[in-house]
C-alpha cells in the first residue's frame, strides 16, 4: 500500500508540473486540463482551482452514468483531484518568471511537457490504487455502454477539448486556451506512456505487484 500511495503521489506531482509547464507555453494544455485552462483565462480562478471544480463535475457525471453502480471508489477520486489542483498552482507560481518570447520557445516547452505528463500518467495508472476523474469517466462510460476503455478514453478526451473550444468561443469569440499544444498532447501522450511501459518492463512489473 505504501508503494502504491508513493507512486500515485509522485505521478500526480509530475502531472501537475507538466500541466503548469504547458500552461506557461501558452499554446494549449492536455485535454483533461483544456477546460480548466480556458476557465482560468476567462475568470479570476487559477487553473488549479478550475481543475478541482472541473474534476468535481466529472465525478458527478460518473454518478449520472453509473447510477447505482457509483461507489466509494468513484467518490474518493475527489481526494487526489484536490492535491492535483494545488500542485498545479504551486508549479505555475514557480514557473511564472519564465516567459517564452518566440513561438519556437513556446512549442519547445509544450513538447517537453508531453513526455513529462506521460511519466505522470504512467505512475498514476500503474499505482493500482485509484483513478483520477479523467480516467474514471472513461471507465464509467466503458462499463455503462460495454465498450473498450481506450475507445471511451478517446471519446472523453475529445469531448473535453471540444467543450473547452466552445467555451472559449462563446465567452471570448476567440479560440483561446485550446491550440496546437492541446492537439499534440492528445496525439502523443498515450504513445509516450506506451514507450515508457515498453522501455521499463521490470519496473512496470514491480509497480503492479
N, C-alpha and C. Protein backbone atom coordinates (compact mmCIF):
# COMPACT_ATOMS: atom_id res chain seq x y z
N UNK A 1 0.82 -1.21 0.00
CA UNK A 1 0.00 0.00 0.00
C UNK A 1 0.86 1.27 0.00
N UNK A 2 1.96 1.24 0.80
CA UNK A 2 2.84 2.40 0.84
C UNK A 2 3.43 2.68 -0.55
N UNK A 3 3.84 1.59 -1.23
CA UNK A 3 4.40 1.74 -2.58
C UNK A 3 3.37 2.36 -3.51
N UNK A 4 2.13 1.93 -3.41
CA UNK A 4 1.08 2.44 -4.28
C UNK A 4 0.79 3.91 -4.02
N UNK A 5 0.75 4.28 -2.74
CA UNK A 5 0.48 5.68 -2.39
C UNK A 5 1.61 6.58 -2.89
N UNK A 6 2.84 6.15 -2.68
CA UNK A 6 4.00 6.94 -3.13
C UNK A 6 4.00 7.08 -4.65
N UNK A 7 3.71 5.98 -5.34
CA UNK A 7 3.69 6.01 -6.81
C UNK A 7 2.61 6.95 -7.31
N UNK A 8 1.42 6.88 -6.70
CA UNK A 8 0.32 7.76 -7.11
C UNK A 8 0.66 9.22 -6.83
N UNK A 9 1.19 9.50 -5.64
CA UNK A 9 1.53 10.88 -5.28
C UNK A 9 2.60 11.44 -6.21
N UNK A 10 3.60 10.61 -6.54
CA UNK A 10 4.64 11.05 -7.47
C UNK A 10 4.05 11.32 -8.85
N UNK A 11 3.16 10.44 -9.30
CA UNK A 11 2.52 10.62 -10.60
C UNK A 11 1.71 11.90 -10.67
N UNK A 12 0.94 12.17 -9.62
CA UNK A 12 0.13 13.39 -9.58
C UNK A 12 1.02 14.63 -9.58
N UNK A 13 2.13 14.56 -8.84
CA UNK A 13 3.06 15.70 -8.80
C UNK A 13 3.67 15.96 -10.17
N UNK A 14 4.09 14.91 -10.84
CA UNK A 14 4.68 15.05 -12.17
C UNK A 14 3.65 15.57 -13.17
N UNK A 15 2.43 15.06 -13.10
CA UNK A 15 1.38 15.55 -13.99
C UNK A 15 1.09 17.02 -13.73
N UNK A 16 1.09 17.42 -12.45
CA UNK A 16 0.86 18.83 -12.12
C UNK A 16 1.93 19.73 -12.71
N UNK A 17 3.19 19.27 -12.64
CA UNK A 17 4.28 20.04 -13.24
C UNK A 17 4.11 20.14 -14.75
N UNK A 18 3.70 19.03 -15.38
CA UNK A 18 3.52 19.03 -16.84
C UNK A 18 2.42 20.00 -17.26
N UNK A 19 1.33 20.02 -16.52
CA UNK A 19 0.24 20.94 -16.83
C UNK A 19 0.70 22.40 -16.67
N UNK A 20 1.43 22.66 -15.59
CA UNK A 20 1.94 24.02 -15.36
C UNK A 20 2.91 24.44 -16.46
N UNK A 21 3.74 23.52 -16.92
CA UNK A 21 4.69 23.81 -17.99
C UNK A 21 3.95 24.11 -19.29
N UNK A 22 2.92 23.31 -19.59
CA UNK A 22 2.11 23.55 -20.79
C UNK A 22 1.37 24.88 -20.68
N UNK A 23 0.89 25.21 -19.49
CA UNK A 23 0.23 26.50 -19.26
C UNK A 23 1.19 27.65 -19.54
N UNK A 24 2.44 27.49 -19.12
CA UNK A 24 3.46 28.51 -19.34
C UNK A 24 3.77 28.68 -20.83
N UNK A 25 3.65 27.59 -21.59
CA UNK A 25 3.95 27.63 -23.02
C UNK A 25 2.93 28.45 -23.80
N UNK A 26 1.71 28.57 -23.27
CA UNK A 26 0.66 29.44 -23.85
C UNK A 26 0.09 28.95 -25.18
N UNK A 27 0.30 27.67 -25.52
CA UNK A 27 -0.29 27.18 -26.77
C UNK A 27 -1.16 25.94 -26.51
N UNK A 28 -1.77 25.91 -25.33
CA UNK A 28 -2.70 24.83 -25.02
C UNK A 28 -2.13 23.78 -24.10
N UNK A 29 -3.00 23.21 -23.27
CA UNK A 29 -2.60 22.18 -22.33
C UNK A 29 -3.15 20.83 -22.78
N UNK A 30 -3.03 19.82 -21.92
CA UNK A 30 -3.55 18.50 -22.23
C UNK A 30 -5.08 18.53 -22.27
N UNK A 31 -5.72 17.54 -22.90
CA UNK A 31 -7.19 17.52 -22.97
C UNK A 31 -7.88 17.64 -21.62
N UNK A 32 -7.40 16.92 -20.60
CA UNK A 32 -8.04 16.94 -19.29
C UNK A 32 -7.95 18.32 -18.65
N UNK A 33 -6.94 19.11 -19.03
CA UNK A 33 -6.76 20.44 -18.46
C UNK A 33 -7.24 21.55 -19.39
N UNK A 34 -7.79 21.18 -20.54
CA UNK A 34 -8.19 22.20 -21.51
C UNK A 34 -9.32 23.07 -21.00
N UNK A 35 -10.35 22.46 -20.41
CA UNK A 35 -11.47 23.25 -19.86
C UNK A 35 -10.99 24.12 -18.70
N UNK A 36 -10.29 23.57 -17.69
CA UNK A 36 -9.77 24.43 -16.62
C UNK A 36 -8.87 25.56 -17.13
N UNK A 37 -8.08 25.28 -18.16
CA UNK A 37 -7.21 26.32 -18.71
C UNK A 37 -8.03 27.48 -19.27
N UNK A 38 -9.08 27.17 -20.02
CA UNK A 38 -9.94 28.22 -20.56
C UNK A 38 -10.63 28.98 -19.44
N UNK A 39 -11.14 28.24 -18.46
CA UNK A 39 -11.83 28.87 -17.32
C UNK A 39 -10.88 29.82 -16.58
N UNK A 40 -9.62 29.42 -16.44
CA UNK A 40 -8.64 30.26 -15.74
C UNK A 40 -8.34 31.54 -16.51
N UNK A 41 -8.56 31.51 -17.81
CA UNK A 41 -8.30 32.69 -18.65
C UNK A 41 -9.47 33.67 -18.60
N UNK A 42 -10.69 33.14 -18.54
CA UNK A 42 -11.89 34.00 -18.63
C UNK A 42 -12.50 34.33 -17.27
N UNK A 43 -11.95 33.77 -16.19
CA UNK A 43 -12.46 34.06 -14.85
C UNK A 43 -11.28 34.36 -13.92
N UNK A 44 -11.58 34.83 -12.70
CA UNK A 44 -10.49 35.08 -11.74
C UNK A 44 -9.88 33.80 -11.15
N UNK A 45 -10.46 32.66 -11.43
CA UNK A 45 -9.96 31.40 -10.87
C UNK A 45 -8.59 31.06 -11.43
N UNK A 46 -7.76 30.43 -10.60
CA UNK A 46 -6.49 29.90 -11.09
C UNK A 46 -6.78 28.59 -11.83
N UNK A 47 -5.81 28.11 -12.58
CA UNK A 47 -6.02 26.86 -13.30
C UNK A 47 -6.16 25.69 -12.32
N UNK A 48 -5.48 25.77 -11.17
CA UNK A 48 -5.61 24.73 -10.17
C UNK A 48 -7.01 24.70 -9.57
N UNK A 49 -7.54 25.87 -9.23
CA UNK A 49 -8.90 25.95 -8.68
C UNK A 49 -9.92 25.48 -9.71
N UNK A 50 -9.74 25.90 -10.95
CA UNK A 50 -10.65 25.47 -12.02
C UNK A 50 -10.56 23.96 -12.23
N UNK A 51 -9.35 23.41 -12.07
CA UNK A 51 -9.16 21.96 -12.22
C UNK A 51 -9.96 21.20 -11.17
N UNK A 52 -9.90 21.64 -9.93
CA UNK A 52 -10.65 20.97 -8.86
C UNK A 52 -12.15 21.01 -9.15
N UNK A 53 -12.66 22.17 -9.54
CA UNK A 53 -14.08 22.29 -9.86
C UNK A 53 -14.46 21.39 -11.03
N UNK A 54 -13.60 21.34 -12.03
CA UNK A 54 -13.89 20.50 -13.19
C UNK A 54 -13.87 19.03 -12.82
N UNK A 55 -12.94 18.63 -11.97
CA UNK A 55 -12.89 17.24 -11.51
C UNK A 55 -14.16 16.87 -10.74
N UNK A 56 -14.67 17.81 -9.94
CA UNK A 56 -15.92 17.55 -9.22
C UNK A 56 -17.07 17.34 -10.19
N UNK A 57 -17.08 18.12 -11.27
CA UNK A 57 -18.11 17.95 -12.30
C UNK A 57 -17.99 16.57 -12.94
N UNK A 58 -16.77 16.15 -13.21
CA UNK A 58 -16.57 14.84 -13.84
C UNK A 58 -17.03 13.71 -12.91
N UNK A 59 -16.72 13.81 -11.62
CA UNK A 59 -17.17 12.80 -10.67
C UNK A 59 -18.70 12.76 -10.63
N UNK A 60 -19.33 13.93 -10.69
CA UNK A 60 -20.79 13.98 -10.76
C UNK A 60 -21.31 13.28 -12.02
N UNK A 61 -20.62 13.49 -13.15
CA UNK A 61 -21.01 12.82 -14.39
C UNK A 61 -20.83 11.31 -14.28
N UNK A 62 -19.83 10.86 -13.54
CA UNK A 62 -19.67 9.43 -13.30
C UNK A 62 -20.89 8.88 -12.58
N UNK A 63 -21.40 9.64 -11.60
CA UNK A 63 -22.61 9.24 -10.88
C UNK A 63 -23.81 9.15 -11.82
N UNK A 64 -23.91 10.14 -12.73
CA UNK A 64 -25.01 10.15 -13.70
C UNK A 64 -24.92 8.92 -14.61
N UNK A 65 -23.72 8.59 -15.05
CA UNK A 65 -23.53 7.46 -15.96
C UNK A 65 -23.77 6.12 -15.27
N UNK A 66 -23.24 5.99 -14.05
CA UNK A 66 -23.27 4.69 -13.37
C UNK A 66 -24.51 4.47 -12.51
N UNK A 67 -25.13 5.55 -12.05
CA UNK A 67 -26.30 5.47 -11.15
C UNK A 67 -25.99 4.58 -9.95
N UNK A 68 -26.62 3.43 -9.85
CA UNK A 68 -26.44 2.55 -8.69
C UNK A 68 -25.05 1.89 -8.67
N UNK A 69 -24.34 1.94 -9.79
CA UNK A 69 -23.01 1.37 -9.84
C UNK A 69 -21.95 2.32 -9.30
N UNK A 70 -22.34 3.54 -8.98
CA UNK A 70 -21.43 4.55 -8.44
C UNK A 70 -21.12 4.19 -6.99
N UNK A 71 -19.82 4.13 -6.66
CA UNK A 71 -19.43 3.73 -5.30
C UNK A 71 -18.33 4.59 -4.72
N UNK A 72 -17.80 4.14 -3.58
CA UNK A 72 -16.77 4.90 -2.90
C UNK A 72 -15.53 5.07 -3.75
N UNK A 73 -15.23 4.07 -4.60
CA UNK A 73 -14.03 4.15 -5.44
C UNK A 73 -14.15 5.27 -6.47
N UNK A 74 -15.40 5.68 -6.79
CA UNK A 74 -15.61 6.84 -7.65
C UNK A 74 -15.50 8.13 -6.84
N UNK A 75 -16.14 8.14 -5.68
CA UNK A 75 -16.18 9.35 -4.86
C UNK A 75 -14.81 9.74 -4.34
N UNK A 76 -13.98 8.74 -4.05
CA UNK A 76 -12.66 9.02 -3.48
C UNK A 76 -11.72 9.68 -4.50
N UNK A 77 -12.12 9.69 -5.76
CA UNK A 77 -11.32 10.38 -6.78
C UNK A 77 -11.19 11.87 -6.49
N UNK A 78 -12.08 12.39 -5.65
CA UNK A 78 -12.03 13.81 -5.29
C UNK A 78 -10.74 14.13 -4.54
N UNK A 79 -10.25 13.20 -3.72
CA UNK A 79 -9.06 13.47 -2.90
C UNK A 79 -7.81 13.76 -3.73
N UNK A 80 -7.44 12.88 -4.67
CA UNK A 80 -6.26 13.21 -5.48
C UNK A 80 -6.50 14.42 -6.38
N UNK A 81 -7.76 14.71 -6.70
CA UNK A 81 -8.07 15.88 -7.52
C UNK A 81 -7.74 17.17 -6.77
N UNK A 82 -8.02 17.19 -5.47
CA UNK A 82 -7.66 18.35 -4.65
C UNK A 82 -6.15 18.56 -4.64
N UNK A 83 -5.42 17.46 -4.48
CA UNK A 83 -3.95 17.53 -4.50
C UNK A 83 -3.45 17.98 -5.86
N UNK A 84 -4.03 17.45 -6.91
CA UNK A 84 -3.63 17.78 -8.27
C UNK A 84 -3.79 19.27 -8.54
N UNK A 85 -4.95 19.83 -8.17
CA UNK A 85 -5.19 21.26 -8.38
C UNK A 85 -4.20 22.12 -7.63
N UNK A 86 -3.93 21.76 -6.37
CA UNK A 86 -3.00 22.53 -5.55
C UNK A 86 -1.59 22.49 -6.13
N UNK A 87 -1.17 21.31 -6.58
CA UNK A 87 0.18 21.15 -7.14
C UNK A 87 0.33 21.96 -8.42
N UNK A 88 -0.69 21.97 -9.26
CA UNK A 88 -0.64 22.76 -10.50
C UNK A 88 -0.37 24.22 -10.17
N UNK A 89 -1.11 24.77 -9.21
CA UNK A 89 -0.94 26.18 -8.87
C UNK A 89 0.44 26.46 -8.28
N UNK A 90 0.97 25.53 -7.50
CA UNK A 90 2.32 25.70 -6.95
C UNK A 90 3.35 25.79 -8.07
N UNK A 91 3.24 24.90 -9.04
CA UNK A 91 4.20 24.90 -10.14
C UNK A 91 4.00 26.08 -11.09
N UNK A 92 2.75 26.51 -11.28
CA UNK A 92 2.50 27.70 -12.10
C UNK A 92 3.19 28.91 -11.48
N UNK A 93 3.09 29.05 -10.16
CA UNK A 93 3.78 30.15 -9.47
C UNK A 93 5.29 30.02 -9.61
N UNK A 94 5.79 28.79 -9.49
CA UNK A 94 7.23 28.54 -9.61
C UNK A 94 7.75 28.89 -11.00
N UNK A 95 6.94 28.62 -12.03
CA UNK A 95 7.36 28.85 -13.41
C UNK A 95 7.01 30.24 -13.93
N UNK A 96 6.39 31.07 -13.09
CA UNK A 96 5.95 32.39 -13.53
C UNK A 96 7.06 33.25 -14.13
N UNK A 97 8.31 33.18 -13.63
CA UNK A 97 9.37 34.00 -14.24
C UNK A 97 9.69 33.62 -15.68
N UNK A 98 9.24 32.46 -16.13
CA UNK A 98 9.54 32.02 -17.50
C UNK A 98 8.53 32.62 -18.46
N UNK A 99 9.02 33.36 -19.44
CA UNK A 99 8.15 33.99 -20.43
C UNK A 99 8.69 33.67 -21.84
N UNK A 100 8.21 32.60 -22.45
CA UNK A 100 8.70 32.27 -23.80
C UNK A 100 8.36 33.39 -24.78
N UNK A 101 9.37 33.94 -25.41
CA UNK A 101 9.19 35.12 -26.27
C UNK A 101 8.91 34.76 -27.72
N UNK A 102 9.29 33.58 -28.14
CA UNK A 102 9.11 33.20 -29.53
C UNK A 102 8.21 31.97 -29.62
N UNK A 103 7.68 31.74 -30.80
CA UNK A 103 6.83 30.56 -30.99
C UNK A 103 7.62 29.28 -30.82
N UNK A 104 8.89 29.29 -31.26
CA UNK A 104 9.74 28.11 -31.11
C UNK A 104 9.91 27.77 -29.63
N UNK A 105 10.09 28.79 -28.80
CA UNK A 105 10.23 28.57 -27.36
C UNK A 105 8.93 28.01 -26.78
N UNK A 106 7.80 28.55 -27.23
CA UNK A 106 6.50 28.06 -26.75
C UNK A 106 6.29 26.60 -27.15
N UNK A 107 6.59 26.30 -28.41
CA UNK A 107 6.42 24.94 -28.91
C UNK A 107 7.35 23.97 -28.19
N UNK A 108 8.57 24.42 -27.90
CA UNK A 108 9.54 23.57 -27.20
C UNK A 108 9.05 23.23 -25.80
N UNK A 109 8.54 24.24 -25.08
CA UNK A 109 8.01 23.98 -23.74
C UNK A 109 6.84 23.02 -23.79
N UNK A 110 5.97 23.21 -24.78
CA UNK A 110 4.81 22.33 -24.92
C UNK A 110 5.23 20.90 -25.20
N UNK A 111 6.21 20.73 -26.08
CA UNK A 111 6.68 19.38 -26.42
C UNK A 111 7.38 18.72 -25.24
N UNK A 112 8.11 19.49 -24.45
CA UNK A 112 8.77 18.94 -23.27
C UNK A 112 7.73 18.48 -22.24
N UNK A 113 6.63 19.21 -22.15
CA UNK A 113 5.60 18.87 -21.16
C UNK A 113 4.93 17.53 -21.45
N UNK A 114 4.92 17.10 -22.71
CA UNK A 114 4.18 15.89 -23.09
C UNK A 114 4.80 14.62 -22.51
N UNK A 115 6.11 14.35 -22.70
CA UNK A 115 6.68 13.15 -22.07
C UNK A 115 6.67 13.22 -20.55
N UNK A 116 6.78 14.43 -19.99
CA UNK A 116 6.68 14.56 -18.53
C UNK A 116 5.28 14.16 -18.07
N UNK A 117 4.26 14.63 -18.79
CA UNK A 117 2.88 14.23 -18.48
C UNK A 117 2.72 12.72 -18.60
N UNK A 118 3.33 12.14 -19.62
CA UNK A 118 3.23 10.69 -19.83
C UNK A 118 3.82 9.91 -18.66
N UNK A 119 4.94 10.39 -18.12
CA UNK A 119 5.54 9.73 -16.96
C UNK A 119 4.58 9.79 -15.77
N UNK A 120 3.94 10.94 -15.59
CA UNK A 120 2.98 11.07 -14.50
C UNK A 120 1.79 10.14 -14.67
N UNK A 121 1.26 10.07 -15.89
CA UNK A 121 0.14 9.18 -16.16
C UNK A 121 0.55 7.73 -15.96
N UNK A 122 1.75 7.38 -16.40
CA UNK A 122 2.28 6.02 -16.23
C UNK A 122 2.30 5.64 -14.75
N UNK A 123 2.78 6.54 -13.90
CA UNK A 123 2.82 6.25 -12.46
C UNK A 123 1.43 6.18 -11.87
N UNK A 124 0.55 7.09 -12.28
CA UNK A 124 -0.82 7.08 -11.77
C UNK A 124 -1.51 5.76 -12.08
N UNK A 125 -1.45 5.36 -13.35
CA UNK A 125 -2.14 4.14 -13.79
C UNK A 125 -1.55 2.90 -13.12
N UNK A 126 -0.21 2.84 -13.03
CA UNK A 126 0.44 1.64 -12.51
C UNK A 126 0.52 1.62 -10.98
N UNK A 127 0.02 2.66 -10.32
CA UNK A 127 -0.05 2.61 -8.86
C UNK A 127 -1.10 1.60 -8.41
N UNK A 128 -2.06 1.31 -9.30
CA UNK A 128 -3.12 0.35 -8.98
C UNK A 128 -3.84 0.71 -7.68
N UNK A 129 -3.97 2.01 -7.42
CA UNK A 129 -4.61 2.45 -6.19
C UNK A 129 -6.01 3.00 -6.47
N UNK A 130 -6.06 4.04 -7.27
CA UNK A 130 -7.34 4.59 -7.71
C UNK A 130 -7.11 5.42 -8.96
N UNK A 131 -8.20 5.73 -9.64
CA UNK A 131 -8.12 6.51 -10.86
C UNK A 131 -8.36 7.98 -10.58
N UNK A 132 -7.80 8.82 -11.43
CA UNK A 132 -8.17 10.22 -11.45
C UNK A 132 -9.48 10.34 -12.24
N UNK A 133 -10.24 11.40 -12.03
CA UNK A 133 -11.53 11.53 -12.73
C UNK A 133 -11.44 11.45 -14.25
N UNK A 134 -10.33 11.91 -14.83
CA UNK A 134 -10.19 11.84 -16.28
C UNK A 134 -10.26 10.43 -16.80
N UNK A 135 -9.64 9.51 -16.06
CA UNK A 135 -9.72 8.10 -16.41
C UNK A 135 -11.00 7.47 -15.85
N UNK A 136 -11.47 8.02 -14.71
CA UNK A 136 -12.68 7.49 -14.09
C UNK A 136 -13.91 7.62 -14.96
N UNK A 137 -14.05 8.75 -15.65
CA UNK A 137 -15.23 8.93 -16.51
C UNK A 137 -15.15 8.00 -17.71
N UNK A 138 -13.93 7.78 -18.22
CA UNK A 138 -13.77 6.84 -19.34
C UNK A 138 -14.12 5.42 -18.91
N UNK A 139 -13.69 5.05 -17.70
CA UNK A 139 -14.01 3.73 -17.17
C UNK A 139 -15.51 3.58 -16.95
N UNK A 140 -16.15 4.64 -16.45
CA UNK A 140 -17.60 4.60 -16.22
C UNK A 140 -18.36 4.43 -17.53
N UNK A 141 -17.94 5.15 -18.55
CA UNK A 141 -18.58 5.04 -19.86
C UNK A 141 -18.38 3.65 -20.46
N UNK A 142 -17.16 3.10 -20.29
CA UNK A 142 -16.88 1.76 -20.80
C UNK A 142 -17.75 0.72 -20.10
N UNK A 143 -17.91 0.88 -18.79
CA UNK A 143 -18.74 -0.05 -18.02
C UNK A 143 -20.21 0.08 -18.39
N UNK A 144 -20.67 1.31 -18.56
CA UNK A 144 -22.09 1.55 -18.83
C UNK A 144 -22.50 1.10 -20.22
N UNK A 145 -21.65 1.34 -21.21
CA UNK A 145 -22.02 1.06 -22.60
C UNK A 145 -21.29 -0.15 -23.17
N UNK A 146 -20.56 -0.86 -22.31
CA UNK A 146 -19.88 -2.11 -22.70
C UNK A 146 -18.94 -1.89 -23.89
N UNK A 147 -18.12 -0.86 -23.76
CA UNK A 147 -17.13 -0.53 -24.78
C UNK A 147 -15.73 -0.66 -24.18
N UNK A 148 -14.72 -0.65 -25.04
CA UNK A 148 -13.34 -0.71 -24.57
C UNK A 148 -12.97 0.60 -23.88
N UNK A 149 -12.14 0.47 -22.84
CA UNK A 149 -11.70 1.65 -22.10
C UNK A 149 -10.99 2.64 -23.01
N UNK A 150 -10.11 2.12 -23.88
CA UNK A 150 -9.35 3.01 -24.77
C UNK A 150 -10.25 3.83 -25.67
N UNK A 151 -11.32 3.19 -26.16
CA UNK A 151 -12.27 3.91 -27.03
C UNK A 151 -12.97 5.02 -26.26
N UNK A 152 -13.39 4.72 -25.04
CA UNK A 152 -14.09 5.72 -24.23
C UNK A 152 -13.16 6.82 -23.75
N UNK A 153 -11.87 6.48 -23.57
CA UNK A 153 -10.90 7.50 -23.17
C UNK A 153 -10.71 8.51 -24.29
N UNK A 154 -10.62 8.03 -25.50
CA UNK A 154 -10.50 8.94 -26.65
C UNK A 154 -11.74 9.82 -26.76
N UNK A 155 -12.92 9.20 -26.56
CA UNK A 155 -14.17 9.96 -26.63
C UNK A 155 -14.23 11.02 -25.54
N UNK A 156 -13.84 10.64 -24.32
CA UNK A 156 -13.88 11.59 -23.21
C UNK A 156 -12.92 12.75 -23.44
N UNK A 157 -11.69 12.44 -23.85
CA UNK A 157 -10.70 13.50 -24.10
C UNK A 157 -11.15 14.42 -25.23
N UNK A 158 -11.69 13.85 -26.29
CA UNK A 158 -12.16 14.64 -27.42
C UNK A 158 -13.30 15.57 -27.00
N UNK A 159 -14.20 15.05 -26.17
CA UNK A 159 -15.32 15.85 -25.69
C UNK A 159 -14.84 17.03 -24.85
N UNK A 160 -13.82 16.79 -24.02
CA UNK A 160 -13.26 17.87 -23.20
C UNK A 160 -12.65 18.97 -24.05
N UNK A 161 -11.94 18.58 -25.09
CA UNK A 161 -11.32 19.57 -25.97
C UNK A 161 -12.38 20.38 -26.70
N UNK A 162 -13.40 19.71 -27.20
CA UNK A 162 -14.49 20.40 -27.90
C UNK A 162 -15.21 21.35 -26.94
N UNK A 163 -15.47 20.88 -25.71
CA UNK A 163 -16.14 21.72 -24.71
C UNK A 163 -15.31 22.96 -24.40
N UNK A 164 -13.99 22.78 -24.27
CA UNK A 164 -13.11 23.91 -23.99
C UNK A 164 -13.12 24.91 -25.15
N UNK A 165 -13.08 24.40 -26.37
CA UNK A 165 -13.10 25.28 -27.55
C UNK A 165 -14.41 26.05 -27.63
N UNK A 166 -15.52 25.37 -27.38
CA UNK A 166 -16.82 26.04 -27.42
C UNK A 166 -16.93 27.09 -26.33
N UNK A 167 -16.44 26.77 -25.14
CA UNK A 167 -16.47 27.72 -24.03
C UNK A 167 -15.67 28.97 -24.38
N UNK A 168 -14.50 28.78 -24.97
CA UNK A 168 -13.66 29.91 -25.36
C UNK A 168 -14.35 30.77 -26.42
N UNK A 169 -14.93 30.12 -27.42
CA UNK A 169 -15.59 30.85 -28.50
C UNK A 169 -16.82 31.62 -28.01
N UNK A 170 -17.60 31.00 -27.14
CA UNK A 170 -18.81 31.65 -26.63
C UNK A 170 -18.46 32.84 -25.75
N UNK A 171 -17.45 32.69 -24.91
CA UNK A 171 -17.13 33.73 -23.93
C UNK A 171 -16.22 34.83 -24.48
N UNK A 172 -15.36 34.50 -25.43
CA UNK A 172 -14.40 35.50 -25.91
C UNK A 172 -14.44 35.71 -27.42
N UNK A 173 -15.20 34.84 -28.12
CA UNK A 173 -15.25 34.89 -29.58
C UNK A 173 -13.89 34.62 -30.22
N UNK A 174 -13.01 34.02 -29.42
CA UNK A 174 -11.70 33.62 -29.91
C UNK A 174 -11.37 32.23 -29.38
N UNK A 175 -10.49 31.53 -30.07
CA UNK A 175 -10.10 30.18 -29.66
C UNK A 175 -8.89 30.29 -28.75
N UNK A 176 -9.13 30.70 -27.50
CA UNK A 176 -8.04 30.86 -26.55
C UNK A 176 -7.94 29.60 -25.67
N UNK A 177 -6.73 29.27 -25.25
CA UNK A 177 -6.53 28.17 -24.33
C UNK A 177 -6.54 26.79 -24.96
N UNK A 178 -7.02 26.69 -26.19
CA UNK A 178 -7.05 25.41 -26.90
C UNK A 178 -6.36 25.62 -28.23
N UNK A 179 -5.14 25.13 -28.32
CA UNK A 179 -4.37 25.35 -29.53
C UNK A 179 -3.62 24.09 -29.91
N UNK A 180 -2.58 24.25 -30.68
CA UNK A 180 -1.85 23.09 -31.18
C UNK A 180 -1.21 22.26 -30.08
N UNK A 181 -0.89 22.91 -28.95
CA UNK A 181 -0.34 22.15 -27.83
C UNK A 181 -1.33 21.13 -27.30
N UNK A 182 -2.60 21.49 -27.32
CA UNK A 182 -3.65 20.56 -26.88
C UNK A 182 -3.73 19.36 -27.81
N UNK A 183 -3.68 19.64 -29.11
CA UNK A 183 -3.76 18.56 -30.10
C UNK A 183 -2.55 17.64 -30.00
N UNK A 184 -1.36 18.24 -29.87
CA UNK A 184 -0.14 17.44 -29.75
C UNK A 184 -0.18 16.55 -28.51
N UNK A 185 -0.67 17.11 -27.41
CA UNK A 185 -0.77 16.33 -26.18
C UNK A 185 -1.74 15.17 -26.34
N UNK A 186 -2.87 15.44 -26.99
CA UNK A 186 -3.87 14.38 -27.20
C UNK A 186 -3.31 13.26 -28.08
N UNK A 187 -2.51 13.62 -29.06
CA UNK A 187 -1.99 12.63 -30.01
C UNK A 187 -0.78 11.87 -29.47
N UNK A 188 0.05 12.53 -28.65
CA UNK A 188 1.35 11.95 -28.31
C UNK A 188 1.45 11.37 -26.90
N UNK A 189 0.61 11.83 -25.98
CA UNK A 189 0.76 11.38 -24.59
C UNK A 189 0.60 9.87 -24.45
N UNK A 190 -0.44 9.33 -25.06
CA UNK A 190 -0.67 7.89 -24.99
C UNK A 190 0.49 7.08 -25.54
N UNK A 191 1.04 7.55 -26.66
CA UNK A 191 2.19 6.87 -27.25
C UNK A 191 3.41 6.94 -26.33
N UNK A 192 3.58 8.08 -25.68
CA UNK A 192 4.72 8.22 -24.76
C UNK A 192 4.56 7.29 -23.56
N UNK A 193 3.33 7.14 -23.06
CA UNK A 193 3.09 6.21 -21.95
C UNK A 193 3.44 4.79 -22.37
N UNK A 194 3.05 4.42 -23.58
CA UNK A 194 3.36 3.08 -24.09
C UNK A 194 4.87 2.88 -24.20
N UNK A 195 5.59 3.91 -24.64
CA UNK A 195 7.04 3.82 -24.76
C UNK A 195 7.70 3.60 -23.39
N UNK A 196 7.20 4.31 -22.38
CA UNK A 196 7.74 4.14 -21.03
C UNK A 196 7.49 2.71 -20.54
N UNK A 197 6.29 2.19 -20.77
CA UNK A 197 5.96 0.83 -20.32
C UNK A 197 6.82 -0.21 -21.03
N UNK A 198 7.04 -0.01 -22.32
CA UNK A 198 7.87 -0.96 -23.07
C UNK A 198 9.34 -0.84 -22.70
N UNK A 199 9.77 0.37 -22.36
CA UNK A 199 11.17 0.59 -22.03
C UNK A 199 11.54 0.18 -20.62
N UNK A 200 10.55 0.09 -19.73
CA UNK A 200 10.83 -0.25 -18.33
C UNK A 200 9.94 -1.42 -17.89
N UNK A 201 10.07 -2.58 -18.54
CA UNK A 201 9.18 -3.70 -18.22
C UNK A 201 9.34 -4.21 -16.79
N UNK A 202 10.58 -4.28 -16.30
CA UNK A 202 10.79 -4.77 -14.94
C UNK A 202 10.22 -3.80 -13.90
N UNK A 203 10.43 -2.51 -14.14
CA UNK A 203 9.91 -1.51 -13.21
C UNK A 203 8.38 -1.51 -13.23
N UNK A 204 7.81 -1.69 -14.42
CA UNK A 204 6.35 -1.76 -14.53
C UNK A 204 5.80 -2.95 -13.75
N UNK A 205 6.45 -4.09 -13.88
CA UNK A 205 6.02 -5.27 -13.13
C UNK A 205 6.17 -5.05 -11.63
N UNK A 206 7.24 -4.37 -11.23
CA UNK A 206 7.45 -4.06 -9.80
C UNK A 206 6.31 -3.18 -9.27
N UNK A 207 5.91 -2.18 -10.04
CA UNK A 207 4.84 -1.29 -9.60
C UNK A 207 3.50 -2.02 -9.52
N UNK A 208 3.28 -2.95 -10.42
CA UNK A 208 1.99 -3.62 -10.49
C UNK A 208 1.84 -4.75 -9.49
N UNK A 209 2.95 -5.20 -8.88
CA UNK A 209 2.86 -6.31 -7.93
C UNK A 209 2.19 -5.87 -6.64
